[in-house]
Amino acid sequence: ISTDGVLEANEFSLNIARDLQHQVWGQGFSEPLFEGDFRV
């Protein structure tokens, strides 16, 4: 599972989510995935 790393606090952003959503992702240009530690 390949990720694009850990997000900084200021990168958990609705605007960034919108920017990513409007890009074309798919085979060979995979949607960005991130990783991190969380408490449920």
All heavy atoms as atom14 arrays in JSON, in Angstrom:
{
  "sequence": "ISTDGVLEANEFSLNIARDLQHQVWGQGFSEPLFEGDFRV",
  "atom14_mask": [
    [1, 1, 1, 1, 1, 1, 1, 1, 0, 0, 0, 0, 0, 0],
    [1, 1, 1, 1, 1, 1, 0, 0, 0, 0, 0, 0, 0, 0],
    [1, 1, 1, 1, 1, 1, 1, 0, 0, 0, 0, 0, 0, 0],
    [1, 1, 1, 1, 1, 1, 1, 1, 0, 0, 0, 0, 0, 0],
    [1, 1, 1, 1, 0, 0, 0, 0, 0, 0, 0, 0, 0, 0],
    [1, 1, 1, 1, 1, 1, 1, 0, 0, 0, 0, 0, 0, 0],
    [1, 1, 1, 1, 1, 1, 1, 1, 0, 0, 0, 0, 0, 0],
    [1, 1, 1, 1, 1, 1, 1, 1, 1, 0, 0, 0, 0, 0],
    [1, 1, 1, 1, 1, 0, 0, 0, 0, 0, 0, 0, 0, 0],
    [1, 1, 1, 1, 1, 1, 1, 1, 0, 0, 0, 0, 0, 0],
    [1, 1, 1, 1, 1, 1, 1, 1, 1, 0, 0, 0, 0, 0],
    [1, 1, 1, 1, 1, 1, 1, 1, 1, 1, 1, 0, 0, 0],
    [1, 1, 1, 1, 1, 1, 0, 0, 0, 0, 0, 0, 0, 0],
    [1, 1, 1, 1, 1, 1, 1, 1, 0, 0, 0, 0, 0, 0],
    [1, 1, 1, 1, 1, 1, 1, 1, 0, 0, 0, 0, 0, 0],
    [1, 1, 1, 1, 1, 1, 1, 1, 0, 0, 0, 0, 0, 0],
    [1, 1, 1, 1, 1, 0, 0, 0, 0, 0, 0, 0, 0, 0],
    [1, 1, 1, 1, 1, 1, 1, 1, 1, 1, 1, 0, 0, 0],
    [1, 1, 1, 1, 1, 1, 1, 1, 0, 0, 0, 0, 0, 0],
    [1, 1, 1, 1, 1, 1, 1, 1, 0, 0, 0, 0, 0, 0],
    [1, 1, 1, 1, 1, 1, 1, 1, 1, 0, 0, 0, 0, 0],
    [1, 1, 1, 1, 1, 1, 1, 1, 1, 1, 0, 0, 0, 0],
    [1, 1, 1, 1, 1, 1, 1, 1, 1, 0, 0, 0, 0, 0],
    [1, 1, 1, 1, 1, 1, 1, 0, 0, 0, 0, 0, 0, 0],
    [1, 1, 1, 1, 1, 1, 1, 1, 1, 1, 1, 1, 1, 1],
    [1, 1, 1, 1, 0, 0, 0, 0, 0, 0, 0, 0, 0, 0],
    [1, 1, 1, 1, 1, 1, 1, 1, 1, 0, 0, 0, 0, 0],
    [1, 1, 1, 1, 0, 0, 0, 0, 0, 0, 0, 0, 0, 0],
    [1, 1, 1, 1, 1, 1, 1, 1, 1, 1, 1, 0, 0, 0],
    [1, 1, 1, 1, 1, 1, 0, 0, 0, 0, 0, 0, 0, 0],
    [1, 1, 1, 1, 1, 1, 1, 1, 1, 0, 0, 0, 0, 0],
    [1, 1, 1, 1, 1, 1, 1, 0, 0, 0, 0, 0, 0, 0],
    [1, 1, 1, 1, 1, 1, 1, 1, 0, 0, 0, 0, 0, 0],
    [1, 1, 1, 1, 1, 1, 1, 1, 1, 1, 1, 0, 0, 0],
    [1, 1, 1, 1, 1, 1, 1, 1, 1, 0, 0, 0, 0, 0],
    [1, 1, 1, 1, 0, 0, 0, 0, 0, 0, 0, 0, 0, 0],
    [1, 1, 1, 1, 1, 1, 1, 1, 0, 0, 0, 0, 0, 0],
    [1, 1, 1, 1, 1, 1, 1, 1, 1, 1, 1, 0, 0, 0],
    [1, 1, 1, 1, 1, 1, 1, 1, 1, 1, 1, 0, 0, 0],
    [1, 1, 1, 1, 1, 1, 1, 0, 0, 0, 0, 0, 0, 0]
  ],
  "atom14_positions": [
    [[0.87, -1.18, 0.0], [0.0, 0.0, 0.0], [0.9, 1.22, 0.0], [1.64, 1.46, 0.96], [-0.93, 0.01, 1.22], [-1.78, -1.26, 1.25], [-1.81, 1.25, 1.22], [-2.59, -1.43, 2.53], [0.0, 0.0, 0.0], [0.0, 0.0, 0.0], [0.0, 0.0, 0.0], [0.0, 0.0, 0.0], [0.0, 0.0, 0.0], [0.0, 0.0, 0.0]],
    [[0.89, 1.97, -1.08], [1.76, 3.14, -1.21], [1.02, 4.39, -0.77], [-0.11, 4.64, -1.19], [2.22, 3.29, -2.66], [2.96, 2.16, -3.07], [0.0, 0.0, 0.0], [0.0, 0.0, 0.0], [0.0, 0.0, 0.0], [0.0, 0.0, 0.0], [0.0, 0.0, 0.0], [0.0, 0.0, 0.0], [0.0, 0.0, 0.0], [0.0, 0.0, 0.0]],
    [[1.67, 5.17, 0.07], [1.06, 6.41, 0.55], [1.93, 7.61, 0.17], [3.09, 7.45, -0.24], [0.87, 6.4, 2.09], [2.13, 6.69, 2.72], [0.34, 5.07, 2.57], [0.0, 0.0, 0.0], [0.0, 0.0, 0.0], [0.0, 0.0, 0.0], [0.0, 0.0, 0.0], [0.0, 0.0, 0.0], [0.0, 0.0, 0.0], [0.0, 0.0, 0.0]],
    [[1.35, 8.77, 0.34], [2.08, 10.02, 0.12], [2.53, 10.64, 1.44], [2.73, 11.85, 1.53], [1.2, 10.99, -0.67], [0.96, 10.49, -2.09], [1.87, 10.61, -2.92], [-0.13, 9.95, -2.35], [0.0, 0.0, 0.0], [0.0, 0.0, 0.0], [0.0, 0.0, 0.0], [0.0, 0.0, 0.0], [0.0, 0.0, 0.0], [0.0, 0.0, 0.0]],
    [[2.67, 9.78, 2.45], [3.26, 10.22, 3.7], [2.26, 10.73, 4.71], [1.05, 10.49, 4.61], [0.0, 0.0, 0.0], [0.0, 0.0, 0.0], [0.0, 0.0, 0.0], [0.0, 0.0, 0.0], [0.0, 0.0, 0.0], [0.0, 0.0, 0.0], [0.0, 0.0, 0.0], [0.0, 0.0, 0.0], [0.0, 0.0, 0.0], [0.0, 0.0, 0.0]],
    [[2.77, 11.45, 5.68], [1.98, 11.97, 6.8], [1.64, 13.43, 6.53], [2.49, 14.21, 6.07], [2.78, 11.84, 8.11], [2.01, 12.43, 9.28], [3.13, 10.38, 8.38], [0.0, 0.0, 0.0], [0.0, 0.0, 0.0], [0.0, 0.0, 0.0], [0.0, 0.0, 0.0], [0.0, 0.0, 0.0], [0.0, 0.0, 0.0], [0.0, 0.0, 0.0]],
    [[0.42, 13.82, 6.82], [-0.01, 15.2, 6.63], [0.34, 16.05, 7.85], [0.24, 15.61, 9.0], [-1.52, 15.27, 6.4], [-2.05, 14.73, 5.07], [-3.57, 14.85, 5.02], [-1.42, 15.45, 3.88], [0.0, 0.0, 0.0], [0.0, 0.0, 0.0], [0.0, 0.0, 0.0], [0.0, 0.0, 0.0], [0.0, 0.0, 0.0], [0.0, 0.0, 0.0]],
    [[0.73, 17.29, 7.58], [0.88, 18.26, 8.65], [-0.51, 18.71, 9.09], [-1.5, 18.55, 8.35], [1.68, 19.46, 8.16], [3.09, 19.14, 7.67], [4.0, 18.69, 8.79], [3.71, 19.02, 9.97], [4.99, 18.0, 8.51], [0.0, 0.0, 0.0], [0.0, 0.0, 0.0], [0.0, 0.0, 0.0], [0.0, 0.0, 0.0], [0.0, 0.0, 0.0]],
    [[-0.59, 19.29, 10.28], [-1.89, 19.7, 10.83], [-2.63, 20.64, 9.88], [-3.85, 20.53, 9.68], [-1.7, 20.35, 12.2], [0.0, 0.0, 0.0], [0.0, 0.0, 0.0], [0.0, 0.0, 0.0], [0.0, 0.0, 0.0], [0.0, 0.0, 0.0], [0.0, 0.0, 0.0], [0.0, 0.0, 0.0], [0.0, 0.0, 0.0], [0.0, 0.0, 0.0]],
    [[-1.9, 21.58, 9.26], [-2.57, 22.56, 8.38], [-2.96, 21.97, 7.03], [-3.63, 22.63, 6.23], [-1.67, 23.78, 8.17], [-0.4, 23.44, 7.4], [0.07, 22.31, 7.42], [0.16, 24.43, 6.72], [0.0, 0.0, 0.0], [0.0, 0.0, 0.0], [0.0, 0.0, 0.0], [0.0, 0.0, 0.0], [0.0, 0.0, 0.0], [0.0, 0.0, 0.0]],
    [[-2.55, 20.71, 6.76], [-2.9, 20.08, 5.49], [-4.18, 19.26, 5.59], [-4.67, 18.77, 4.57], [-1.74, 19.21, 5.01], [-0.52, 20.06, 4.62], [0.72, 19.22, 4.33], [0.83, 18.09, 4.87], [1.59, 19.71, 3.58], [0.0, 0.0, 0.0], [0.0, 0.0, 0.0], [0.0, 0.0, 0.0], [0.0, 0.0, 0.0], [0.0, 0.0, 0.0]],
    [[-4.73, 19.11, 6.8], [-6.07, 18.53, 6.94], [-7.07, 19.64, 6.62], [-7.68, 20.25, 7.51], [-6.28, 18.01, 8.36], [-5.55, 16.74, 8.65], [-4.27, 16.76, 9.17], [-6.14, 15.51, 8.4], [-3.59, 15.58, 9.45], [-5.48, 14.32, 8.68], [-4.19, 14.36, 9.21], [0.0, 0.0, 0.0], [0.0, 0.0, 0.0], [0.0, 0.0, 0.0]],
    [[-7.23, 19.92, 5.35], [-7.93, 21.12, 4.91], [-9.03, 20.78, 3.92], [-8.83, 19.96, 3.01], [-6.91, 22.08, 4.26], [-7.51, 22.97, 3.38], [0.0, 0.0, 0.0], [0.0, 0.0, 0.0], [0.0, 0.0, 0.0], [0.0, 0.0, 0.0], [0.0, 0.0, 0.0], [0.0, 0.0, 0.0], [0.0, 0.0, 0.0], [0.0, 0.0, 0.0]],
    [[-10.18, 21.42, 4.08], [-11.29, 21.24, 3.14], [-10.89, 21.73, 1.76], [-11.24, 21.12, 0.74], [-12.52, 21.98, 3.65], [-13.82, 21.8, 2.84], [-14.23, 20.34, 2.81], [-14.93, 22.67, 3.45], [0.0, 0.0, 0.0], [0.0, 0.0, 0.0], [0.0, 0.0, 0.0], [0.0, 0.0, 0.0], [0.0, 0.0, 0.0], [0.0, 0.0, 0.0]],
    [[-10.13, 22.82, 1.7], [-9.71, 23.34, 0.39], [-8.78, 22.37, -0.32], [-8.88, 22.17, -1.53], [-9.01, 24.7, 0.56], [-9.99, 25.81, 0.9], [-11.18, 25.72, 0.56], [-9.51, 26.85, 1.57], [0.0, 0.0, 0.0], [0.0, 0.0, 0.0], [0.0, 0.0, 0.0], [0.0, 0.0, 0.0], [0.0, 0.0, 0.0], [0.0, 0.0, 0.0]],
    [[-7.86, 21.76, 0.45], [-6.96, 20.77, -0.17], [-7.77, 19.57, -0.64], [-7.53, 19.04, -1.74], [-5.87, 20.35, 0.83], [-4.89, 21.5, 1.03], [-5.14, 19.1, 0.34], [-3.81, 21.23, 2.05], [0.0, 0.0, 0.0], [0.0, 0.0, 0.0], [0.0, 0.0, 0.0], [0.0, 0.0, 0.0], [0.0, 0.0, 0.0], [0.0, 0.0, 0.0]],
    [[-8.74, 19.14, 0.16], [-9.59, 18.02, -0.26], [-10.31, 18.34, -1.55], [-10.43, 17.49, -2.45], [-10.59, 17.69, 0.84], [0.0, 0.0, 0.0], [0.0, 0.0, 0.0], [0.0, 0.0, 0.0], [0.0, 0.0, 0.0], [0.0, 0.0, 0.0], [0.0, 0.0, 0.0], [0.0, 0.0, 0.0], [0.0, 0.0, 0.0], [0.0, 0.0, 0.0]],
    [[-10.79, 19.59, -1.67], [-11.48, 19.99, -2.91], [-10.51, 20.0, -4.09], [-10.85, 19.56, -5.2], [-12.1, 21.38, -2.73], [-13.4, 21.38, -1.93], [-14.17, 22.67, -2.19], [-15.49, 22.65, -1.58], [-15.85, 23.31, -0.49], [-14.94, 24.07, 0.14], [-17.07, 23.24, -0.01], [0.0, 0.0, 0.0], [0.0, 0.0, 0.0], [0.0, 0.0, 0.0]],
    [[-9.31, 20.52, -3.88], [-8.32, 20.54, -4.97], [-8.02, 19.13, -5.46], [-7.95, 18.87, -6.67], [-7.02, 21.19, -4.48], [-7.15, 22.7, -4.32], [-8.11, 23.27, -4.85], [-6.28, 23.28, -3.63], [0.0, 0.0, 0.0], [0.0, 0.0, 0.0], [0.0, 0.0, 0.0], [0.0, 0.0, 0.0], [0.0, 0.0, 0.0], [0.0, 0.0, 0.0]],
    [[-7.86, 18.21, -4.53], [-7.57, 16.83, -4.91], [-8.76, 16.18, -5.6], [-8.6, 15.39, -6.54], [-7.17, 16.02, -3.67], [-5.87, 16.44, -2.97], [-5.64, 15.6, -1.72], [-4.69, 16.33, -3.92], [0.0, 0.0, 0.0], [0.0, 0.0, 0.0], [0.0, 0.0, 0.0], [0.0, 0.0, 0.0], [0.0, 0.0, 0.0], [0.0, 0.0, 0.0]],
    [[-9.96, 16.5, -5.14], [-11.17, 15.88, -5.69], [-11.36, 16.23, -7.15], [-11.91, 15.44, -7.92], [-12.38, 16.34, -4.87], [-13.7, 15.72, -5.31], [-14.84, 16.08, -4.36], [-14.95, 15.55, -3.29], [-15.65, 17.04, -4.76], [0.0, 0.0, 0.0], [0.0, 0.0, 0.0], [0.0, 0.0, 0.0], [0.0, 0.0, 0.0], [0.0, 0.0, 0.0]],
    [[-10.93, 17.42, -7.56], [-11.18, 17.85, -8.93], [-10.08, 17.45, -9.9], [-10.17, 17.75, -11.08], [-11.42, 19.37, -8.97], [-12.79, 19.76, -8.51], [-13.09, 20.01, -7.19], [-13.96, 19.9, -9.18], [-14.38, 20.31, -7.07], [-14.92, 20.23, -8.26], [0.0, 0.0, 0.0], [0.0, 0.0, 0.0], [0.0, 0.0, 0.0], [0.0, 0.0, 0.0]],
    [[-9.05, 16.79, -9.41], [-8.04, 16.24, -10.31], [-8.53, 14.88, -10.83], [-9.39, 14.25, -10.21], [-6.71, 16.08, -9.56], [-5.58, 15.47, -10.35], [-5.25, 16.2, -11.65], [-5.8, 15.86, -12.69], [-4.38, 17.19, -11.56], [0.0, 0.0, 0.0], [0.0, 0.0, 0.0], [0.0, 0.0, 0.0], [0.0, 0.0, 0.0], [0.0, 0.0, 0.0]],
    [[-8.01, 14.47, -11.96], [-8.35, 13.17, -12.52], [-7.38, 12.13, -11.95], [-6.17, 12.18, -12.22], [-8.26, 13.18, -14.06], [-8.46, 11.79, -14.61], [-9.31, 14.13, -14.63], [0.0, 0.0, 0.0], [0.0, 0.0, 0.0], [0.0, 0.0, 0.0], [0.0, 0.0, 0.0], [0.0, 0.0, 0.0], [0.0, 0.0, 0.0], [0.0, 0.0, 0.0]],
    [[-7.91, 11.2, -11.16], [-7.11, 10.11, -10.61], [-7.59, 8.78, -11.17], [-8.76, 8.64, -11.53], [-7.21, 10.07, -9.08], [-6.95, 11.37, -8.41], [-7.87, 12.2, -7.82], [-5.68, 12.04, -8.25], [-7.26, 13.32, -7.32], [-5.91, 13.25, -7.56], [-4.38, 11.7, -8.62], [-4.89, 14.12, -7.24], [-3.35, 12.59, -8.3], [-3.62, 13.79, -7.62]],
    [[-6.71, 7.82, -11.21], [-7.11, 6.5, -11.69], [-5.88, 5.65, -11.95], [-4.81, 5.87, -11.38], [0.0, 0.0, 0.0], [0.0, 0.0, 0.0], [0.0, 0.0, 0.0], [0.0, 0.0, 0.0], [0.0, 0.0, 0.0], [0.0, 0.0, 0.0], [0.0, 0.0, 0.0], [0.0, 0.0, 0.0], [0.0, 0.0, 0.0], [0.0, 0.0, 0.0]],
    [[-6.04, 4.67, -12.84], [-4.96, 3.74, -13.15], [-3.72, 4.48, -13.61], [-3.77, 5.3, -14.53], [-5.42, 2.76, -14.24], [-4.42, 1.7, -14.6], [-4.24, 0.68, -13.49], [-5.1, 0.5, -12.66], [-3.1, 0.01, -13.5], [0.0, 0.0, 0.0], [0.0, 0.0, 0.0], [0.0, 0.0, 0.0], [0.0, 0.0, 0.0], [0.0, 0.0, 0.0]],
    [[-2.58, 4.22, -12.97], [-1.33, 4.85, -13.36], [-1.17, 6.27, -12.87], [-0.12, 6.89, -13.08], [0.0, 0.0, 0.0], [0.0, 0.0, 0.0], [0.0, 0.0, 0.0], [0.0, 0.0, 0.0], [0.0, 0.0, 0.0], [0.0, 0.0, 0.0], [0.0, 0.0, 0.0], [0.0, 0.0, 0.0], [0.0, 0.0, 0.0], [0.0, 0.0, 0.0]],
    [[-2.19, 6.83, -12.25], [-2.12, 8.19, -11.68], [-3.01, 8.15, -10.43], [-4.06, 8.77, -10.36], [-2.64, 9.22, -12.69], [-2.13, 10.62, -12.44], [-0.83, 10.96, -12.74], [-2.96, 11.58, -11.91], [-0.36, 12.25, -12.51], [-2.51, 12.87, -11.68], [-1.2, 13.21, -11.99], [0.0, 0.0, 0.0], [0.0, 0.0, 0.0], [0.0, 0.0, 0.0]],
    [[-2.54, 7.36, -9.46], [-3.4, 6.95, -8.36], [-3.77, 8.1, -7.42], [-2.98, 9.03, -7.2], [-2.73, 5.82, -7.57], [-1.45, 6.23, -7.15], [0.0, 0.0, 0.0], [0.0, 0.0, 0.0], [0.0, 0.0, 0.0], [0.0, 0.0, 0.0], [0.0, 0.0, 0.0], [0.0, 0.0, 0.0], [0.0, 0.0, 0.0], [0.0, 0.0, 0.0]],
    [[-4.96, 7.97, -6.88], [-5.45, 8.96, -5.92], [-4.5, 9.01, -4.72], [-4.05, 7.98, -4.23], [-6.85, 8.55, -5.45], [-7.45, 9.48, -4.41], [-8.75, 8.98, -3.84], [-9.07, 7.78, -4.05], [-9.45, 9.76, -3.17], [0.0, 0.0, 0.0], [0.0, 0.0, 0.0], [0.0, 0.0, 0.0], [0.0, 0.0, 0.0], [0.0, 0.0, 0.0]],
    [[-4.2, 10.21, -4.21], [-3.3, 10.32, -3.06], [-3.87, 9.64, -1.82], [-5.05, 9.81, -1.49], [-3.18, 11.83, -2.85], [-3.55, 12.45, -4.15], [-4.57, 11.53, -4.75], [0.0, 0.0, 0.0], [0.0, 0.0, 0.0], [0.0, 0.0, 0.0], [0.0, 0.0, 0.0], [0.0, 0.0, 0.0], [0.0, 0.0, 0.0], [0.0, 0.0, 0.0]],
    [[-3.04, 8.87, -1.17], [-3.36, 8.26, 0.12], [-2.34, 8.73, 1.14], [-1.15, 8.9, 0.81], [-3.32, 6.73, 0.03], [-4.33, 6.05, -0.89], [-4.08, 4.54, -0.91], [-5.75, 6.35, -0.44], [0.0, 0.0, 0.0], [0.0, 0.0, 0.0], [0.0, 0.0, 0.0], [0.0, 0.0, 0.0], [0.0, 0.0, 0.0], [0.0, 0.0, 0.0]],
    [[-2.79, 8.93, 2.35], [-1.92, 9.4, 3.42], [-1.98, 8.4, 4.57], [-2.84, 7.52, 4.61], [-2.33, 10.79, 3.87], [-2.47, 11.77, 2.72], [-3.72, 12.08, 2.19], [-1.33, 12.32, 2.14], [-3.84, 12.96, 1.12], [-1.45, 13.2, 1.06], [-2.7, 13.51, 0.55], [0.0, 0.0, 0.0], [0.0, 0.0, 0.0], [0.0, 0.0, 0.0]],
    [[-1.06, 8.54, 5.5], [-1.05, 7.63, 6.64], [-0.79, 8.4, 7.93], [-0.24, 9.51, 7.91], [0.0, 6.55, 6.47], [1.43, 7.06, 6.36], [2.44, 5.93, 6.22], [2.63, 5.2, 7.21], [3.02, 5.79, 5.12], [0.0, 0.0, 0.0], [0.0, 0.0, 0.0], [0.0, 0.0, 0.0], [0.0, 0.0, 0.0], [0.0, 0.0, 0.0]],
    [[-1.22, 7.82, 9.03], [-0.99, 8.46, 10.32], [-1.56, 7.65, 11.46], [-2.33, 6.7, 11.25], [0.0, 0.0, 0.0], [0.0, 0.0, 0.0], [0.0, 0.0, 0.0], [0.0, 0.0, 0.0], [0.0, 0.0, 0.0], [0.0, 0.0, 0.0], [0.0, 0.0, 0.0], [0.0, 0.0, 0.0], [0.0, 0.0, 0.0], [0.0, 0.0, 0.0]],
    [[-1.16, 8.02, 12.69], [-1.63, 7.36, 13.9], [-2.81, 8.13, 14.48], [-2.77, 9.36, 14.61], [-0.5, 7.28, 14.93], [0.65, 6.39, 14.46], [0.34, 5.33, 13.88], [1.82, 6.76, 14.67], [0.0, 0.0, 0.0], [0.0, 0.0, 0.0], [0.0, 0.0, 0.0], [0.0, 0.0, 0.0], [0.0, 0.0, 0.0], [0.0, 0.0, 0.0]],
    [[-3.86, 7.39, 14.84], [-5.08, 8.01, 15.38], [-5.59, 7.2, 16.56], [-5.38, 5.99, 16.66], [-6.18, 8.06, 14.31], [-5.84, 8.87, 13.09], [-5.24, 8.28, 11.99], [-6.13, 10.24, 13.06], [-4.92, 9.02, 10.86], [-5.81, 10.99, 11.93], [-5.2, 10.38, 10.84], [0.0, 0.0, 0.0], [0.0, 0.0, 0.0], [0.0, 0.0, 0.0]],
    [[-6.31, 7.91, 17.4], [-7.07, 7.26, 18.47], [-8.53, 7.25, 18.04], [-9.06, 8.26, 17.58], [-6.9, 7.97, 19.8], [-7.69, 7.3, 20.92], [-7.24, 7.7, 22.3], [-7.98, 6.96, 23.32], [-7.71, 5.72, 23.71], [-6.71, 5.07, 23.15], [-8.42, 5.12, 24.65], [0.0, 0.0, 0.0], [0.0, 0.0, 0.0], [0.0, 0.0, 0.0]],
    [[-9.19, 6.11, 18.18], [-10.6, 5.98, 17.81], [-11.44, 6.45, 18.99], [-11.48, 5.79, 20.04], [-10.94, 4.53, 17.42], [-12.42, 4.4, 17.09], [-10.08, 4.08, 16.24], [0.0, 0.0, 0.0], [0.0, 0.0, 0.0], [0.0, 0.0, 0.0], [0.0, 0.0, 0.0], [0.0, 0.0, 0.0], [0.0, 0.0, 0.0], [0.0, 0.0, 0.0]]
  ]
}
